[in-house]
């Protein structure tokens, strides 16, 4: 998990997940300090990042479920 000023991307809201392309490639949050990465990332790169984040979320949840089960 992120302990600083950067968000933990495994915990993105549904809204951010739906708008991920507009945010990352389109610069939809440029005014909040998140520039467009369209010159550096392709749509395929973005899809790979989203897939990785989904895998990390699933692993985090599975690990948390195992941790909870071992405490009982």
C-alpha atoms as a PDB file:
ATOM      1  CA  UNK A   1       0.000   0.000   0.000  1.00  0.00           C
ATOM      2  CA  UNK A   2       1.021   3.554  -0.556  1.00  0.00           C
ATOM      3  CA  UNK A   3       2.169   5.341   2.558  1.00  0.00           C
ATOM      4  CA  UNK A   4       2.854   8.711   0.994  1.00  0.00           C
ATOM      5  CA  UNK A   5       1.172  11.262  -1.209  1.00  0.00           C
ATOM      6  CA  UNK A   6       0.775   8.916  -4.170  1.00  0.00           C
ATOM      7  CA  UNK A   7      -2.429   6.892  -4.372  1.00  0.00           C
ATOM      8  CA  UNK A   8      -2.387   3.109  -4.123  1.00  0.00           C
ATOM      9  CA  UNK A   9      -3.473   2.224  -7.654  1.00  0.00           C
ATOM     10  CA  UNK A  10      -4.784  -1.146  -6.490  1.00  0.00           C
ATOM     11  CA  UNK A  11      -7.554   0.754  -4.708  1.00  0.00           C
ATOM     12  CA  UNK A  12      -8.929   2.846  -7.552  1.00  0.00           C
ATOM     13  CA  UNK A  13     -12.628   3.626  -7.429  1.00  0.00           C
ATOM     14  CA  UNK A  14     -14.979   2.216 -10.064  1.00  0.00           C
ATOM     15  CA  UNK A  15     -15.293   5.717 -11.521  1.00  0.00           C
ATOM     16  CA  UNK A  16     -11.522   6.064 -11.937  1.00  0.00           C
ATOM     17  CA  UNK A  17     -11.305   2.587 -13.463  1.00  0.00           C
ATOM     18  CA  UNK A  18     -14.019   3.522 -15.992  1.00  0.00           C
ATOM     19  CA  UNK A  19     -12.192   6.769 -16.844  1.00  0.00           C
ATOM     20  CA  UNK A  20      -8.640   5.382 -16.662  1.00  0.00           C
ATOM     21  CA  UNK A  21      -7.893   5.974 -20.354  1.00  0.00           C
ATOM     22  CA  UNK A  22      -9.188   9.558 -20.244  1.00  0.00           C
ATOM     23  CA  UNK A  23      -7.124  10.218 -17.119  1.00  0.00           C
ATOM     24  CA  UNK A  24      -3.864   8.549 -18.155  1.00  0.00           C
ATOM     25  CA  UNK A  25      -3.831   9.136 -21.909  1.00  0.00           C
ATOM     26  CA  UNK A  26      -6.245  12.031 -22.237  1.00  0.00           C
ATOM     27  CA  UNK A  27      -5.014  14.213 -19.393  1.00  0.00           C
ATOM     28  CA  UNK A  28      -8.476  14.497 -17.810  1.00  0.00           C
ATOM     29  CA  UNK A  29      -6.854  15.276 -14.453  1.00  0.00           C
ATOM     30  CA  UNK A  30      -4.127  17.595 -15.687  1.00  0.00           C
ATOM     31  CA  UNK A  31      -5.432  20.419 -13.491  1.00  0.00           C
ATOM     32  CA  UNK A  32      -4.982  18.143 -10.443  1.00  0.00           C
ATOM     33  CA  UNK A  33      -1.373  17.392 -11.411  1.00  0.00           C
ATOM     34  CA  UNK A  34      -1.813  14.176 -13.447  1.00  0.00           C
ATOM     35  CA  UNK A  35      -0.458  14.892 -16.918  1.00  0.00           C
ATOM     36  CA  UNK A  36      -1.318  12.970 -20.072  1.00  0.00           C
ATOM     37  CA  UNK A  37       0.997  10.068 -20.839  1.00  0.00           C
ATOM     38  CA  UNK A  38      -0.253   9.717 -24.430  1.00  0.00           C
ATOM     39  CA  UNK A  39       3.200  10.444 -25.876  1.00  0.00           C
ATOM     40  CA  UNK A  40       4.781   7.706 -23.753  1.00  0.00           C
ATOM     41  CA  UNK A  41       2.102   5.008 -23.484  1.00  0.00           C
ATOM     42  CA  UNK A  42       0.049   3.283 -26.157  1.00  0.00           C
ATOM     43  CA  UNK A  43      -3.499   2.039 -25.626  1.00  0.00           C
ATOM     44  CA  UNK A  44      -1.984  -1.478 -25.429  1.00  0.00           C
ATOM     45  CA  UNK A  45       0.378  -0.286 -22.686  1.00  0.00           C
ATOM     46  CA  UNK A  46      -2.592   1.156 -20.822  1.00  0.00           C
ATOM     47  CA  UNK A  47      -4.513  -2.123 -21.131  1.00  0.00           C
ATOM     48  CA  UNK A  48      -1.491  -3.997 -19.769  1.00  0.00           C
ATOM     49  CA  UNK A  49      -1.256  -1.598 -16.811  1.00  0.00           C
ATOM     50  CA  UNK A  50      -4.955  -2.018 -16.058  1.00  0.00           C
ATOM     51  CA  UNK A  51      -4.617  -5.818 -16.245  1.00  0.00           C
ATOM     52  CA  UNK A  52      -1.641  -5.711 -13.888  1.00  0.00           C
ATOM     53  CA  UNK A  53      -3.513  -3.529 -11.400  1.00  0.00           C
ATOM     54  CA  UNK A  54      -6.514  -5.887 -11.528  1.00  0.00           C
ATOM     55  CA  UNK A  55      -4.209  -8.850 -10.823  1.00  0.00           C
ATOM     56  CA  UNK A  56      -2.635  -6.995  -7.909  1.00  0.00           C
ATOM     57  CA  UNK A  57      -6.076  -6.114  -6.494  1.00  0.00           C
ATOM     58  CA  UNK A  58      -7.140  -9.747  -6.726  1.00  0.00           C
ATOM     59  CA  UNK A  59      -3.923 -10.946  -5.071  1.00  0.00           C
ATOM     60  CA  UNK A  60      -4.313  -8.374  -2.303  1.00  0.00           C
ATOM     61  CA  UNK A  61      -7.878  -9.460  -1.655  1.00  0.00           C
ATOM     62  CA  UNK A  62      -6.961 -13.156  -1.732  1.00  0.00           C
ATOM     63  CA  UNK A  63      -4.080 -12.507   0.667  1.00  0.00           C
ATOM     64  CA  UNK A  64      -6.331 -10.521   2.964  1.00  0.00           C
ATOM     65  CA  UNK A  65      -8.896 -13.311   2.968  1.00  0.00           C
ATOM     66  CA  UNK A  66      -6.194 -15.828   3.856  1.00  0.00           C
ATOM     67  CA  UNK A  67      -4.873 -13.553   6.612  1.00  0.00           C
ATOM     68  CA  UNK A  68      -8.360 -13.161   8.037  1.00  0.00           C
ATOM     69  CA  UNK A  69      -8.934 -16.907   7.958  1.00  0.00           C
ATOM     70  CA  UNK A  70      -5.692 -17.645   9.787  1.00  0.00           C
ATOM     71  CA  UNK A  71      -6.579 -15.241  12.610  1.00  0.00           C
ATOM     72  CA  UNK A  72      -9.788 -17.105  13.508  1.00  0.00           C
END
